[in-house]
Amino acid sequence: MENEHKPIRMCVVCRKRLFQKELYRLQCKNRKLSPFDGFGRSFYVCDNCKNEKKFINYISKICKITKEKAKEEIVHFPFSILN
């Protein structure tokens, strides 16, 4: 099928619009970063931005944790299980 629809989503860090399959879908649950489980709010992050300082700032705001804790969450998060 030629006219197959491919959803486009935006990375919260760099604001680039990419195909949904090229992004990681995450959420904050109980002040922890976790993969999206199908319920609640979520956000998308591209592969280039997952280790940037802006992403750490965004996680600290959305999860309501300190920047140090956010950095620790990102370092220990298993991104390989998402795609």
PDB file of N, CA and C in Angstrom:
ATOM      1  N   MET A   1       0.819  -1.179   0.000  1.00  0.00           N
ATOM      2  CA  MET A   1       0.000   0.000   0.000  1.00  0.00           C
ATOM      3  C   MET A   1       0.866   1.248   0.000  1.00  0.00           C
ATOM      4  N   GLU A   2       0.667   2.066  -0.970  1.00  0.00           N
ATOM      5  CA  GLU A   2       1.454   3.267  -1.152  1.00  0.00           C
ATOM      6  C   GLU A   2       1.123   4.377  -0.175  1.00  0.00           C
ATOM      7  N   ASN A   3      -0.125   4.583   0.110  1.00  0.00           N
ATOM      8  CA  ASN A   3      -0.562   5.710   0.928  1.00  0.00           C
ATOM      9  C   ASN A   3      -0.722   5.348   2.396  1.00  0.00           C
ATOM     10  N   GLU A   4       0.172   4.545   2.913  1.00  0.00           N
ATOM     11  CA  GLU A   4       0.103   4.152   4.310  1.00  0.00           C
ATOM     12  C   GLU A   4       0.467   5.334   5.208  1.00  0.00           C
ATOM     13  N   HIS A   5      -0.347   5.585   6.211  1.00  0.00           N
ATOM     14  CA  HIS A   5      -0.118   6.706   7.124  1.00  0.00           C
ATOM     15  C   HIS A   5       0.946   6.342   8.154  1.00  0.00           C
ATOM     16  N   LYS A   6       1.939   7.206   8.327  1.00  0.00           N
ATOM     17  CA  LYS A   6       2.970   7.013   9.343  1.00  0.00           C
ATOM     18  C   LYS A   6       2.894   8.189  10.302  1.00  0.00           C
ATOM     19  N   PRO A   7       2.563   7.942  11.577  1.00  0.00           N
ATOM     20  CA  PRO A   7       2.424   9.033  12.544  1.00  0.00           C
ATOM     21  C   PRO A   7       3.742   9.775  12.772  1.00  0.00           C
ATOM     22  N   ILE A   8       3.643  11.075  12.887  1.00  0.00           N
ATOM     23  CA  ILE A   8       4.800  11.924  13.160  1.00  0.00           C
ATOM     24  C   ILE A   8       4.610  12.533  14.548  1.00  0.00           C
ATOM     25  N   ARG A   9       5.663  12.472  15.361  1.00  0.00           N
ATOM     26  CA  ARG A   9       5.638  13.022  16.711  1.00  0.00           C
ATOM     27  C   ARG A   9       6.834  13.950  16.885  1.00  0.00           C
ATOM     28  N   MET A  10       6.854  14.705  17.981  1.00  0.00           N
ATOM     29  CA  MET A  10       7.895  15.693  18.212  1.00  0.00           C
ATOM     30  C   MET A  10       8.721  15.334  19.445  1.00  0.00           C
ATOM     31  N   CYS A  11      10.022  15.453  19.321  1.00  0.00           N
ATOM     32  CA  CYS A  11      10.936  15.272  20.453  1.00  0.00           C
ATOM     33  C   CYS A  11      10.774  16.471  21.382  1.00  0.00           C
ATOM     34  N   VAL A  12      10.622  16.229  22.682  1.00  0.00           N
ATOM     35  CA  VAL A  12      10.410  17.318  23.637  1.00  0.00           C
ATOM     36  C   VAL A  12      11.668  18.149  23.868  1.00  0.00           C
ATOM     37  N   VAL A  13      12.824  17.626  23.511  1.00  0.00           N
ATOM     38  CA  VAL A  13      14.080  18.333  23.757  1.00  0.00           C
ATOM     39  C   VAL A  13      14.456  19.229  22.573  1.00  0.00           C
ATOM     40  N   CYS A  14      14.610  18.648  21.398  1.00  0.00           N
ATOM     41  CA  CYS A  14      15.070  19.422  20.238  1.00  0.00           C
ATOM     42  C   CYS A  14      13.923  19.936  19.369  1.00  0.00           C
ATOM     43  N   ARG A  15      12.708  19.488  19.635  1.00  0.00           N
ATOM     44  CA  ARG A  15      11.510  19.907  18.900  1.00  0.00           C
ATOM     45  C   ARG A  15      11.501  19.462  17.435  1.00  0.00           C
ATOM     46  N   LYS A  16      12.330  18.468  17.091  1.00  0.00           N
ATOM     47  CA  LYS A  16      12.310  17.922  15.733  1.00  0.00           C
ATOM     48  C   LYS A  16      11.098  17.024  15.586  1.00  0.00           C
ATOM     49  N   ARG A  17      10.544  17.016  14.408  1.00  0.00           N
ATOM     50  CA  ARG A  17       9.426  16.125  14.114  1.00  0.00           C
ATOM     51  C   ARG A  17       9.970  14.919  13.369  1.00  0.00           C
ATOM     52  N   LEU A  18       9.720  13.743  13.938  1.00  0.00           N
ATOM     53  CA  LEU A  18      10.211  12.488  13.374  1.00  0.00           C
ATOM     54  C   LEU A  18       9.083  11.479  13.350  1.00  0.00           C
ATOM     55  N   PHE A  19       9.308  10.389  12.624  1.00  0.00           N
ATOM     56  CA  PHE A  19       8.332   9.314  12.638  1.00  0.00           C
ATOM     57  C   PHE A  19       8.286   8.715  14.042  1.00  0.00           C
ATOM     58  N   GLN A  20       7.113   8.301  14.449  1.00  0.00           N
ATOM     59  CA  GLN A  20       6.891   7.797  15.807  1.00  0.00           C
ATOM     60  C   GLN A  20       7.818   6.627  16.138  1.00  0.00           C
ATOM     61  N   LYS A  21       8.109   5.783  15.172  1.00  0.00           N
ATOM     62  CA  LYS A  21       8.963   4.612  15.422  1.00  0.00           C
ATOM     63  C   LYS A  21      10.421   4.982  15.677  1.00  0.00           C
ATOM     64  N   GLU A  22      10.815   6.205  15.343  1.00  0.00           N
ATOM     65  CA  GLU A  22      12.194   6.652  15.537  1.00  0.00           C
ATOM     66  C   GLU A  22      12.404   7.294  16.911  1.00  0.00           C
ATOM     67  N   LEU A  23      11.358   7.402  17.712  1.00  0.00           N
ATOM     68  CA  LEU A  23      11.427   8.077  19.003  1.00  0.00           C
ATOM     69  C   LEU A  23      11.189   7.107  20.155  1.00  0.00           C
ATOM     70  N   TYR A  24      11.703   7.467  21.324  1.00  0.00           N
ATOM     71  CA  TYR A  24      11.435   6.724  22.551  1.00  0.00           C
ATOM     72  C   TYR A  24      10.222   7.357  23.226  1.00  0.00           C
ATOM     73  N   ARG A  25       9.274   6.528  23.664  1.00  0.00           N
ATOM     74  CA  ARG A  25       8.095   7.043  24.358  1.00  0.00           C
ATOM     75  C   ARG A  25       8.235   6.747  25.845  1.00  0.00           C
ATOM     76  N   LEU A  26       8.292   7.794  26.648  1.00  0.00           N
ATOM     77  CA  LEU A  26       8.543   7.665  28.077  1.00  0.00           C
ATOM     78  C   LEU A  26       7.446   8.343  28.883  1.00  0.00           C
ATOM     79  N   GLN A  27       7.449   8.081  30.182  1.00  0.00           N
ATOM     80  CA  GLN A  27       6.554   8.777  31.103  1.00  0.00           C
ATOM     81  C   GLN A  27       7.197   8.800  32.478  1.00  0.00           C
ATOM     82  N   CYS A  28       6.700   9.672  33.331  1.00  0.00           N
ATOM     83  CA  CYS A  28       7.147   9.730  34.722  1.00  0.00           C
ATOM     84  C   CYS A  28       6.040   9.147  35.586  1.00  0.00           C
ATOM     85  N   LYS A  29       6.393   8.139  36.345  1.00  0.00           N
ATOM     86  CA  LYS A  29       5.445   7.512  37.268  1.00  0.00           C
ATOM     87  C   LYS A  29       6.077   7.454  38.634  1.00  0.00           C
ATOM     88  N   ASN A  30       5.393   8.007  39.613  1.00  0.00           N
ATOM     89  CA  ASN A  30       5.904   8.024  40.985  1.00  0.00           C
ATOM     90  C   ASN A  30       7.315   8.594  41.067  1.00  0.00           C
ATOM     91  N   ARG A  31       7.516   9.696  40.347  1.00  0.00           N
ATOM     92  CA  ARG A  31       8.804  10.401  40.317  1.00  0.00           C
ATOM     93  C   ARG A  31       9.951   9.554  39.769  1.00  0.00           C
ATOM     94  N   LYS A  32       9.619   8.629  38.898  1.00  0.00           N
ATOM     95  CA  LYS A  32      10.620   7.781  38.241  1.00  0.00           C
ATOM     96  C   LYS A  32      10.376   7.793  36.743  1.00  0.00           C
ATOM     97  N   LEU A  33      11.435   7.759  35.972  1.00  0.00           N
ATOM     98  CA  LEU A  33      11.351   7.668  34.530  1.00  0.00           C
ATOM     99  C   LEU A  33      11.046   6.227  34.160  1.00  0.00           C
ATOM    100  N   SER A  34      10.046   6.014  33.310  1.00  0.00           N
ATOM    101  CA  SER A  34       9.679   4.652  32.923  1.00  0.00           C
ATOM    102  C   SER A  34       9.170   4.626  31.491  1.00  0.00           C
ATOM    103  N   PRO A  35       9.192   3.458  30.855  1.00  0.00           N
ATOM    104  CA  PRO A  35       8.604   3.348  29.518  1.00  0.00           C
ATOM    105  C   PRO A  35       7.092   3.558  29.607  1.00  0.00           C
ATOM    106  N   PHE A  36       6.491   4.024  28.554  1.00  0.00           N
ATOM    107  CA  PHE A  36       5.054   4.263  28.542  1.00  0.00           C
ATOM    108  C   PHE A  36       4.320   2.935  28.652  1.00  0.00           C
ATOM    109  N   ASP A  37       3.362   2.854  29.590  1.00  0.00           N
ATOM    110  CA  ASP A  37       2.633   1.605  29.816  1.00  0.00           C
ATOM    111  C   ASP A  37       1.203   1.637  29.280  1.00  0.00           C
ATOM    112  N   GLY A  38       0.840   2.702  28.580  1.00  0.00           N
ATOM    113  CA  GLY A  38      -0.483   2.757  27.986  1.00  0.00           C
ATOM    114  C   GLY A  38      -1.473   3.638  28.729  1.00  0.00           C
ATOM    115  N   PHE A  39      -1.123   4.109  29.912  1.00  0.00           N
ATOM    116  CA  PHE A  39      -2.013   4.952  30.705  1.00  0.00           C
ATOM    117  C   PHE A  39      -1.288   6.217  31.134  1.00  0.00           C
ATOM    118  N   GLY A  40      -2.006   7.336  31.106  1.00  0.00           N
ATOM    119  CA  GLY A  40      -1.432   8.592  31.570  1.00  0.00           C
ATOM    120  C   GLY A  40      -0.719   9.353  30.481  1.00  0.00           C
ATOM    121  N   ARG A  41      -0.045  10.410  30.883  1.00  0.00           N
ATOM    122  CA  ARG A  41       0.678  11.263  29.950  1.00  0.00           C
ATOM    123  C   ARG A  41       2.030  10.676  29.608  1.00  0.00           C
ATOM    124  N   SER A  42       2.475  10.967  28.413  1.00  0.00           N
ATOM    125  CA  SER A  42       3.786  10.490  27.982  1.00  0.00           C
ATOM    126  C   SER A  42       4.453  11.568  27.138  1.00  0.00           C
ATOM    127  N   PHE A  43       5.701  11.332  26.792  1.00  0.00           N
ATOM    128  CA  PHE A  43       6.446  12.254  25.941  1.00  0.00           C
ATOM    129  C   PHE A  43       7.436  11.463  25.118  1.00  0.00           C
ATOM    130  N   TYR A  44       7.892  12.071  24.025  1.00  0.00           N
ATOM    131  CA  TYR A  44       8.808  11.418  23.099  1.00  0.00           C
ATOM    132  C   TYR A  44      10.168  12.095  23.135  1.00  0.00           C
ATOM    133  N   VAL A  45      11.226  11.269  22.995  1.00  0.00           N
ATOM    134  CA  VAL A  45      12.595  11.773  22.959  1.00  0.00           C
ATOM    135  C   VAL A  45      13.325  11.056  21.838  1.00  0.00           C
ATOM    136  N   CYS A  46      14.081  11.805  21.044  1.00  0.00           N
ATOM    137  CA  CYS A  46      14.855  11.180  19.964  1.00  0.00           C
ATOM    138  C   CYS A  46      16.163  10.621  20.520  1.00  0.00           C
ATOM    139  N   ASP A  47      16.807   9.811  19.722  1.00  0.00           N
ATOM    140  CA  ASP A  47      18.042   9.142  20.142  1.00  0.00           C
ATOM    141  C   ASP A  47      19.165  10.139  20.412  1.00  0.00           C
ATOM    142  N   ASN A  48      19.215  11.224  19.653  1.00  0.00           N
ATOM    143  CA  ASN A  48      20.279  12.220  19.817  1.00  0.00           C
ATOM    144  C   ASN A  48      20.163  12.998  21.117  1.00  0.00           C
ATOM    145  N   CYS A  49      18.962  13.162  21.616  1.00  0.00           N
ATOM    146  CA  CYS A  49      18.727  14.034  22.779  1.00  0.00           C
ATOM    147  C   CYS A  49      18.663  13.306  24.110  1.00  0.00           C
ATOM    148  N   LYS A  50      18.722  12.004  24.124  1.00  0.00           N
ATOM    149  CA  LYS A  50      18.495  11.281  25.381  1.00  0.00           C
ATOM    150  C   LYS A  50      19.578  11.491  26.439  1.00  0.00           C
ATOM    151  N   ASN A  51      20.718  12.066  26.074  1.00  0.00           N
ATOM    152  CA  ASN A  51      21.780  12.315  27.053  1.00  0.00           C
ATOM    153  C   ASN A  51      22.139  13.791  27.178  1.00  0.00           C
ATOM    154  N   GLU A  52      21.343  14.668  26.615  1.00  0.00           N
ATOM    155  CA  GLU A  52      21.653  16.096  26.658  1.00  0.00           C
ATOM    156  C   GLU A  52      21.210  16.755  27.958  1.00  0.00           C
ATOM    157  N   LYS A  53      21.816  17.885  28.244  1.00  0.00           N
ATOM    158  CA  LYS A  53      21.506  18.636  29.462  1.00  0.00           C
ATOM    159  C   LYS A  53      20.056  19.123  29.465  1.00  0.00           C
ATOM    160  N   LYS A  54      19.541  19.494  28.292  1.00  0.00           N
ATOM    161  CA  LYS A  54      18.153  19.934  28.190  1.00  0.00           C
ATOM    162  C   LYS A  54      17.194  18.826  28.619  1.00  0.00           C
ATOM    163  N   PHE A  55      17.512  17.595  28.265  1.00  0.00           N
ATOM    164  CA  PHE A  55      16.672  16.457  28.637  1.00  0.00           C
ATOM    165  C   PHE A  55      16.675  16.262  30.149  1.00  0.00           C
ATOM    166  N   ILE A  56      17.823  16.441  30.769  1.00  0.00           N
ATOM    167  CA  ILE A  56      17.921  16.341  32.230  1.00  0.00           C
ATOM    168  C   ILE A  56      17.044  17.411  32.882  1.00  0.00           C
ATOM    169  N   ASN A  57      17.092  18.627  32.357  1.00  0.00           N
ATOM    170  CA  ASN A  57      16.251  19.703  32.886  1.00  0.00           C
ATOM    171  C   ASN A  57      14.766  19.382  32.713  1.00  0.00           C
ATOM    172  N   TYR A  58      14.397  18.853  31.554  1.00  0.00           N
ATOM    173  CA  TYR A  58      13.003  18.516  31.285  1.00  0.00           C
ATOM    174  C   TYR A  58      12.513  17.431  32.237  1.00  0.00           C
ATOM    175  N   ILE A  59      13.316  16.395  32.435  1.00  0.00           N
ATOM    176  CA  ILE A  59      12.940  15.294  33.332  1.00  0.00           C
ATOM    177  C   ILE A  59      12.805  15.797  34.764  1.00  0.00           C
ATOM    178  N   SER A  60      13.697  16.675  35.180  1.00  0.00           N
ATOM    179  CA  SER A  60      13.621  17.184  36.554  1.00  0.00           C
ATOM    180  C   SER A  60      12.330  17.970  36.778  1.00  0.00           C
ATOM    181  N   LYS A  61      11.885  18.713  35.764  1.00  0.00           N
ATOM    182  CA  LYS A  61      10.641  19.469  35.889  1.00  0.00           C
ATOM    183  C   LYS A  61       9.421  18.564  35.861  1.00  0.00           C
ATOM    184  N   ILE A  62       9.357  17.673  34.898  1.00  0.00           N
ATOM    185  CA  ILE A  62       8.154  16.859  34.715  1.00  0.00           C
ATOM    186  C   ILE A  62       7.988  15.822  35.831  1.00  0.00           C
ATOM    187  N   CYS A  63       9.089  15.270  36.319  1.00  0.00           N
ATOM    188  CA  CYS A  63       9.008  14.267  37.390  1.00  0.00           C
ATOM    189  C   CYS A  63       9.077  14.904  38.778  1.00  0.00           C
ATOM    190  N   LYS A  64       9.334  16.208  38.827  1.00  0.00           N
ATOM    191  CA  LYS A  64       9.448  16.944  40.087  1.00  0.00           C
ATOM    192  C   LYS A  64      10.539  16.375  40.993  1.00  0.00           C
ATOM    193  N   ILE A  65      11.720  16.211  40.395  1.00  0.00           N
ATOM    194  CA  ILE A  65      12.888  15.719  41.129  1.00  0.00           C
ATOM    195  C   ILE A  65      14.054  16.679  40.880  1.00  0.00           C
ATOM    196  N   THR A  66      15.146  16.503  41.616  1.00  0.00           N
ATOM    197  CA  THR A  66      16.319  17.353  41.431  1.00  0.00           C
ATOM    198  C   THR A  66      17.032  16.979  40.132  1.00  0.00           C
ATOM    199  N   LYS A  67      17.872  17.884  39.650  1.00  0.00           N
ATOM    200  CA  LYS A  67      18.607  17.632  38.415  1.00  0.00           C
ATOM    201  C   LYS A  67      19.592  16.470  38.581  1.00  0.00           C
ATOM    202  N   GLU A  68      20.174  16.347  39.767  1.00  0.00           N
ATOM    203  CA  GLU A  68      21.106  15.247  40.029  1.00  0.00           C
ATOM    204  C   GLU A  68      20.380  13.900  39.956  1.00  0.00           C
ATOM    205  N   LYS A  69      19.197  13.851  40.553  1.00  0.00           N
ATOM    206  CA  LYS A  69      18.386  12.628  40.526  1.00  0.00           C
ATOM    207  C   LYS A  69      17.945  12.315  39.092  1.00  0.00           C
ATOM    208  N   ALA A  70      17.593  13.344  38.324  1.00  0.00           N
ATOM    209  CA  ALA A  70      17.186  13.157  36.932  1.00  0.00           C
ATOM    210  C   ALA A  70      18.339  12.592  36.103  1.00  0.00           C
ATOM    211  N   LYS A  71      19.536  13.119  36.331  1.00  0.00           N
ATOM    212  CA  LYS A  71      20.707  12.626  35.602  1.00  0.00           C
ATOM    213  C   LYS A  71      20.957  11.155  35.929  1.00  0.00           C
ATOM    214  N   GLU A  72      20.812  10.813  37.191  1.00  0.00           N
ATOM    215  CA  GLU A  72      20.975   9.421  37.632  1.00  0.00           C
ATOM    216  C   GLU A  72      19.919   8.509  36.983  1.00  0.00           C
ATOM    217  N   GLU A  73      18.677   8.997  36.893  1.00  0.00           N
ATOM    218  CA  GLU A  73      17.594   8.231  36.269  1.00  0.00           C
ATOM    219  C   GLU A  73      17.908   7.934  34.804  1.00  0.00           C
ATOM    220  N   ILE A  74      18.411   8.952  34.100  1.00  0.00           N
ATOM    221  CA  ILE A  74      18.701   8.799  32.673  1.00  0.00           C
ATOM    222  C   ILE A  74      19.867   7.846  32.454  1.00  0.00           C
ATOM    223  N   VAL A  75      20.903   7.960  33.280  1.00  0.00           N
ATOM    224  CA  VAL A  75      22.076   7.092  33.137  1.00  0.00           C
ATOM    225  C   VAL A  75      21.705   5.625  33.344  1.00  0.00           C
ATOM    226  N   HIS A  76      20.818   5.347  34.286  1.00  0.00           N
ATOM    227  CA  HIS A  76      20.471   3.968  34.604  1.00  0.00           C
ATOM    228  C   HIS A  76      19.241   3.450  33.846  1.00  0.00           C
ATOM    229  N   PHE A  77      18.660   4.276  32.983  1.00  0.00           N
ATOM    230  CA  PHE A  77      17.454   3.859  32.262  1.00  0.00           C
ATOM    231  C   PHE A  77      17.835   2.966  31.077  1.00  0.00           C
ATOM    232  N   PRO A  78      17.186   1.815  30.939  1.00  0.00           N
ATOM    233  CA  PRO A  78      17.502   0.879  29.837  1.00  0.00           C
ATOM    234  C   PRO A  78      16.818   1.274  28.524  1.00  0.00           C
ATOM    235  N   PHE A  79      17.389   2.219  27.784  1.00  0.00           N
ATOM    236  CA  PHE A  79      16.792   2.651  26.521  1.00  0.00           C
ATOM    237  C   PHE A  79      16.736   1.518  25.505  1.00  0.00           C
ATOM    238  N   SER A  80      17.601   0.528  25.623  1.00  0.00           N
ATOM    239  CA  SER A  80      17.644  -0.560  24.652  1.00  0.00           C
ATOM    240  C   SER A  80      16.359  -1.398  24.634  1.00  0.00           C
ATOM    241  N   ILE A  81      15.582  -1.394  25.706  1.00  0.00           N
ATOM    242  CA  ILE A  81      14.353  -2.202  25.740  1.00  0.00           C
ATOM    243  C   ILE A  81      13.200  -1.547  25.002  1.00  0.00           C
ATOM    244  N   LEU A  82      13.322  -0.275  24.635  1.00  0.00           N
ATOM    245  CA  LEU A  82      12.202   0.458  24.052  1.00  0.00           C
ATOM    246  C   LEU A  82      12.007   0.224  22.564  1.00  0.00           C
ATOM    247  N   ASN A  83      13.052   0.113  21.792  1.00  0.00           N
ATOM    248  CA  ASN A  83      12.886  -0.054  20.336  1.00  0.00           C
ATOM    249  C   ASN A  83      13.320  -1.392  19.870  1.00  0.00           C
TER     250      ASN A  83
END
